[in-house]
Amino acid sequence: MNTIDDIHVQRLGKKDFHLLEPLNYAIFKEARVINRTDHDTLVILMAMHGDVPVGFKIGYNRRNGVFYSAKGGVLPQYRRKGVAAKMLGRMILEADKLGFKKFIYDTFPNMNPGMLILGLNSGFKVIEAKYNAQYKDFQVSLEKELSPDYSRIN
């Protein structure tokens, strides 16, 4: 397998939202990417290996000064290669450039423990944990303060 150096992350426009649908289905086995796309700020990232999409991350403004990373995933054969970390770092940078003060995301640690570990290792703090009956897992919310000089996760 190729290294993280072979992966690049690009930002897509709202008009490209449909490009996430097949990747979302391949990763999550569900058609719904997110509930709504009419947010004031919608950041869509796609990780590419050459011209092949291998992961995505999508987020939006949640409330004044708070950016919410709503969903993201990586194809199984590209996991544990740093793709999620690279996308998270880019999403943090994009949110910071847009003037957000906090960055929040949720994860389900029994379904995907890697995202909880990535967040904790990247300076995020757990701000809430509750049981989510739909996913039959705990939903853990993580938060990180943003600062003007972020150019990477740590």
C-alpha atoms as a PDB file:
ATOM      1  CA  MET A   1       0.000   0.000   0.000  1.00  0.00           C
ATOM      2  CA  ASN A   2       1.101   3.540  -0.674  1.00  0.00           C
ATOM      3  CA  THR A   3       1.943   5.966   2.092  1.00  0.00           C
ATOM      4  CA  ILE A   4       0.157   9.119   3.178  1.00  0.00           C
ATOM      5  CA  ASP A   5       2.386  11.044   0.775  1.00  0.00           C
ATOM      6  CA  ASP A   6       0.350   9.539  -2.067  1.00  0.00           C
ATOM      7  CA  ILE A   7      -2.904  10.919  -0.643  1.00  0.00           C
ATOM      8  CA  HIS A   8      -4.079  14.455  -1.269  1.00  0.00           C
ATOM      9  CA  VAL A   9      -7.100  16.176   0.236  1.00  0.00           C
ATOM     10  CA  GLN A  10      -9.123  18.584  -1.854  1.00  0.00           C
ATOM     11  CA  ARG A  11     -11.997  20.880  -0.949  1.00  0.00           C
ATOM     12  CA  LEU A  12     -15.131  20.507  -3.038  1.00  0.00           C
ATOM     13  CA  GLY A  13     -17.977  22.949  -3.627  1.00  0.00           C
ATOM     14  CA  LYS A  14     -21.638  22.378  -2.757  1.00  0.00           C
ATOM     15  CA  LYS A  15     -22.283  21.535  -6.401  1.00  0.00           C
ATOM     16  CA  ASP A  16     -19.989  18.511  -5.949  1.00  0.00           C
ATOM     17  CA  PHE A  17     -21.924  17.069  -2.993  1.00  0.00           C
ATOM     18  CA  HIS A  18     -23.212  14.214  -5.189  1.00  0.00           C
ATOM     19  CA  LEU A  19     -19.623  12.935  -5.516  1.00  0.00           C
ATOM     20  CA  LEU A  20     -19.758  11.874  -1.848  1.00  0.00           C
ATOM     21  CA  GLU A  21     -22.759   9.591  -2.274  1.00  0.00           C
ATOM     22  CA  PRO A  22     -21.052   6.479  -3.746  1.00  0.00           C
ATOM     23  CA  LEU A  23     -18.120   6.813  -1.336  1.00  0.00           C
ATOM     24  CA  ASN A  24     -20.497   7.261   1.600  1.00  0.00           C
ATOM     25  CA  TYR A  25     -22.385   4.126   0.586  1.00  0.00           C
ATOM     26  CA  ALA A  26     -19.158   2.126   0.190  1.00  0.00           C
ATOM     27  CA  ILE A  27     -18.005   3.153   3.686  1.00  0.00           C
ATOM     28  CA  PHE A  28     -21.243   3.311   5.692  1.00  0.00           C
ATOM     29  CA  LYS A  29     -23.669   1.169   3.649  1.00  0.00           C
ATOM     30  CA  GLU A  30     -26.255   3.963   3.766  1.00  0.00           C
ATOM     31  CA  ALA A  31     -27.490   6.453   1.188  1.00  0.00           C
ATOM     32  CA  ARG A  32     -27.817   9.457   3.537  1.00  0.00           C
ATOM     33  CA  VAL A  33     -24.644  11.504   3.838  1.00  0.00           C
ATOM     34  CA  ILE A  34     -26.034  14.249   6.112  1.00  0.00           C
ATOM     35  CA  ASN A  35     -29.579  15.446   6.782  1.00  0.00           C
ATOM     36  CA  ARG A  36     -29.277  18.911   5.198  1.00  0.00           C
ATOM     37  CA  THR A  37     -26.924  20.741   2.862  1.00  0.00           C
ATOM     38  CA  ASP A  38     -28.379  24.244   3.219  1.00  0.00           C
ATOM     39  CA  HIS A  39     -26.013  25.387   5.981  1.00  0.00           C
ATOM     40  CA  ASP A  40     -24.470  28.862   5.664  1.00  0.00           C
ATOM     41  CA  THR A  41     -21.033  27.259   5.702  1.00  0.00           C
ATOM     42  CA  LEU A  42     -20.568  23.787   4.256  1.00  0.00           C
ATOM     43  CA  VAL A  43     -17.050  22.382   3.960  1.00  0.00           C
ATOM     44  CA  ILE A  44     -16.672  19.240   1.856  1.00  0.00           C
ATOM     45  CA  LEU A  45     -13.320  17.469   1.694  1.00  0.00           C
ATOM     46  CA  MET A  46     -12.366  14.438  -0.348  1.00  0.00           C
ATOM     47  CA  ALA A  47      -9.191  12.392   0.063  1.00  0.00           C
ATOM     48  CA  MET A  48      -7.816  11.124  -3.221  1.00  0.00           C
ATOM     49  CA  HIS A  49      -5.283   8.478  -4.164  1.00  0.00           C
ATOM     50  CA  GLY A  50      -4.432   9.634  -7.654  1.00  0.00           C
ATOM     51  CA  ASP A  51      -7.861  10.137  -9.193  1.00  0.00           C
ATOM     52  CA  VAL A  52      -9.566   7.583  -6.907  1.00  0.00           C
ATOM     53  CA  PRO A  53     -11.677   8.914  -3.999  1.00  0.00           C
ATOM     54  CA  VAL A  54     -10.687   7.069  -0.790  1.00  0.00           C
ATOM     55  CA  GLY A  55     -12.291   9.164   1.951  1.00  0.00           C
ATOM     56  CA  PHE A  56     -14.374  12.212   2.708  1.00  0.00           C
ATOM     57  CA  LYS A  57     -15.229  14.618   5.503  1.00  0.00           C
ATOM     58  CA  ILE A  58     -18.106  17.092   5.635  1.00  0.00           C
ATOM     59  CA  GLY A  59     -18.871  19.781   8.186  1.00  0.00           C
ATOM     60  CA  TYR A  60     -20.756  23.005   8.730  1.00  0.00           C
ATOM     61  CA  ASN A  61     -21.533  25.881  11.051  1.00  0.00           C
ATOM     62  CA  ARG A  62     -23.459  24.639  14.069  1.00  0.00           C
ATOM     63  CA  ARG A  63     -23.902  27.845  16.039  1.00  0.00           C
ATOM     64  CA  ASN A  64     -22.076  31.108  16.513  1.00  0.00           C
ATOM     65  CA  GLY A  65     -18.365  30.410  16.375  1.00  0.00           C
ATOM     66  CA  VAL A  66     -18.687  26.597  16.397  1.00  0.00           C
ATOM     67  CA  PHE A  67     -17.812  24.371  13.451  1.00  0.00           C
ATOM     68  CA  TYR A  68     -19.234  20.840  13.453  1.00  0.00           C
ATOM     69  CA  SER A  69     -17.586  18.024  11.529  1.00  0.00           C
ATOM     70  CA  ALA A  70     -20.716  16.027  10.770  1.00  0.00           C
ATOM     71  CA  LYS A  71     -19.454  12.933   8.990  1.00  0.00           C
ATOM     72  CA  GLY A  72     -16.377  11.419   7.489  1.00  0.00           C
ATOM     73  CA  GLY A  73     -14.933   8.090   6.571  1.00  0.00           C
ATOM     74  CA  VAL A  74     -12.174   6.230   4.789  1.00  0.00           C
ATOM     75  CA  LEU A  75     -12.436   3.133   2.610  1.00  0.00           C
ATOM     76  CA  PRO A  76     -11.341   0.048   4.603  1.00  0.00           C
ATOM     77  CA  GLN A  77      -8.250  -0.635   2.494  1.00  0.00           C
ATOM     78  CA  TYR A  78      -6.953   2.918   3.180  1.00  0.00           C
ATOM     79  CA  ARG A  79      -7.498   2.928   6.944  1.00  0.00           C
ATOM     80  CA  ARG A  80      -4.589   3.132   9.389  1.00  0.00           C
ATOM     81  CA  LYS A  81      -2.566   5.017   6.789  1.00  0.00           C
ATOM     82  CA  GLY A  82      -3.083   8.521   8.201  1.00  0.00           C
ATOM     83  CA  VAL A  83      -5.871   9.482   5.770  1.00  0.00           C
ATOM     84  CA  ALA A  84      -8.378  10.402   8.514  1.00  0.00           C
ATOM     85  CA  ALA A  85      -5.720  12.422  10.353  1.00  0.00           C
ATOM     86  CA  LYS A  86      -4.868  14.287   7.165  1.00  0.00           C
ATOM     87  CA  MET A  87      -8.539  15.084   6.508  1.00  0.00           C
ATOM     88  CA  LEU A  88      -9.124  16.156  10.120  1.00  0.00           C
ATOM     89  CA  GLY A  89      -6.110  18.464   9.965  1.00  0.00           C
ATOM     90  CA  ARG A  90      -7.353  20.018   6.735  1.00  0.00           C
ATOM     91  CA  MET A  91     -10.894  20.415   8.126  1.00  0.00           C
ATOM     92  CA  ILE A  92      -9.505  22.166  11.221  1.00  0.00           C
ATOM     93  CA  LEU A  93      -7.497  24.494   8.994  1.00  0.00           C
ATOM     94  CA  GLU A  94     -10.547  25.281   6.836  1.00  0.00           C
ATOM     95  CA  ALA A  95     -12.724  25.978   9.903  1.00  0.00           C
ATOM     96  CA  ASP A  96     -10.019  28.194  11.380  1.00  0.00           C
ATOM     97  CA  LYS A  97      -9.652  30.159   8.117  1.00  0.00           C
ATOM     98  CA  LEU A  98     -13.413  30.724   8.159  1.00  0.00           C
ATOM     99  CA  GLY A  99     -13.139  32.308  11.605  1.00  0.00           C
ATOM    100  CA  PHE A 100     -14.622  29.584  13.786  1.00  0.00           C
ATOM    101  CA  LYS A 101     -13.487  29.515  17.435  1.00  0.00           C
ATOM    102  CA  LYS A 102     -14.316  25.879  18.273  1.00  0.00           C
ATOM    103  CA  PHE A 103     -14.302  22.622  16.339  1.00  0.00           C
ATOM    104  CA  ILE A 104     -16.581  19.755  17.420  1.00  0.00           C
ATOM    105  CA  TYR A 105     -17.208  16.248  16.162  1.00  0.00           C
ATOM    106  CA  ASP A 106     -18.988  13.123  17.379  1.00  0.00           C
ATOM    107  CA  THR A 107     -17.749   9.573  17.182  1.00  0.00           C
ATOM    108  CA  PHE A 108     -18.998   6.125  18.066  1.00  0.00           C
ATOM    109  CA  PRO A 109     -16.059   4.403  19.775  1.00  0.00           C
ATOM    110  CA  ASN A 110     -17.324   0.828  19.608  1.00  0.00           C
ATOM    111  CA  MET A 111     -17.987   1.166  15.874  1.00  0.00           C
ATOM    112  CA  ASN A 112     -14.749   3.020  15.139  1.00  0.00           C
ATOM    113  CA  PRO A 113     -12.340   3.429  18.063  1.00  0.00           C
ATOM    114  CA  GLY A 114      -9.739   5.094  15.849  1.00  0.00           C
ATOM    115  CA  MET A 115     -11.562   8.429  15.687  1.00  0.00           C
ATOM    116  CA  LEU A 116     -11.763   8.713  19.473  1.00  0.00           C
ATOM    117  CA  ILE A 117      -8.051   7.927  19.765  1.00  0.00           C
ATOM    118  CA  LEU A 118      -7.196  10.367  16.939  1.00  0.00           C
ATOM    119  CA  GLY A 119      -9.167  13.140  18.638  1.00  0.00           C
ATOM    120  CA  LEU A 120      -7.611  12.593  22.051  1.00  0.00           C
ATOM    121  CA  ASN A 121      -4.122  12.406  20.547  1.00  0.00           C
ATOM    122  CA  SER A 122      -4.842  15.629  18.641  1.00  0.00           C
ATOM    123  CA  GLY A 123      -5.742  17.717  21.671  1.00  0.00           C
ATOM    124  CA  PHE A 124      -9.512  17.330  21.620  1.00  0.00           C
ATOM    125  CA  LYS A 125     -11.397  17.085  24.907  1.00  0.00           C
ATOM    126  CA  VAL A 126     -14.435  14.894  25.543  1.00  0.00           C
ATOM    127  CA  ILE A 127     -17.366  17.207  26.269  1.00  0.00           C
ATOM    128  CA  GLU A 128     -20.257  14.713  26.273  1.00  0.00           C
ATOM    129  CA  ALA A 129     -20.968  11.000  26.095  1.00  0.00           C
ATOM    130  CA  LYS A 130     -24.420   9.459  25.743  1.00  0.00           C
ATOM    131  CA  TYR A 131     -25.964   6.286  24.434  1.00  0.00           C
ATOM    132  CA  ASN A 132     -27.319   6.485  20.882  1.00  0.00           C
ATOM    133  CA  ALA A 133     -30.081   3.903  20.407  1.00  0.00           C
ATOM    134  CA  GLN A 134     -30.072   4.240  16.602  1.00  0.00           C
ATOM    135  CA  TYR A 135     -26.435   3.140  16.335  1.00  0.00           C
ATOM    136  CA  LYS A 136     -26.468   0.979  19.499  1.00  0.00           C
ATOM    137  CA  ASP A 137     -23.253   2.635  20.638  1.00  0.00           C
ATOM    138  CA  PHE A 138     -22.079   5.462  22.794  1.00  0.00           C
ATOM    139  CA  GLN A 139     -21.868   8.806  21.034  1.00  0.00           C
ATOM    140  CA  VAL A 140     -18.853  10.754  22.263  1.00  0.00           C
ATOM    141  CA  SER A 141     -18.590  14.480  21.481  1.00  0.00           C
ATOM    142  CA  LEU A 142     -15.115  16.003  21.264  1.00  0.00           C
ATOM    143  CA  GLU A 143     -14.154  19.670  21.124  1.00  0.00           C
ATOM    144  CA  LYS A 144     -11.035  21.669  20.352  1.00  0.00           C
ATOM    145  CA  GLU A 145     -10.437  25.398  20.596  1.00  0.00           C
ATOM    146  CA  LEU A 146      -9.122  26.887  17.363  1.00  0.00           C
ATOM    147  CA  SER A 147      -6.362  29.436  17.094  1.00  0.00           C
ATOM    148  CA  PRO A 148      -5.163  31.551  14.171  1.00  0.00           C
ATOM    149  CA  ASP A 149      -1.903  29.666  13.709  1.00  0.00           C
ATOM    150  CA  TYR A 150      -3.229  26.136  13.173  1.00  0.00           C
ATOM    151  CA  SER A 151      -1.665  24.471  10.205  1.00  0.00           C
ATOM    152  CA  ARG A 152      -1.885  20.908  11.482  1.00  0.00           C
ATOM    153  CA  ILE A 153      -3.720  18.879  14.106  1.00  0.00           C
ATOM    154  CA  ASN A 154      -1.309  19.068  17.042  1.00  0.00           C
END
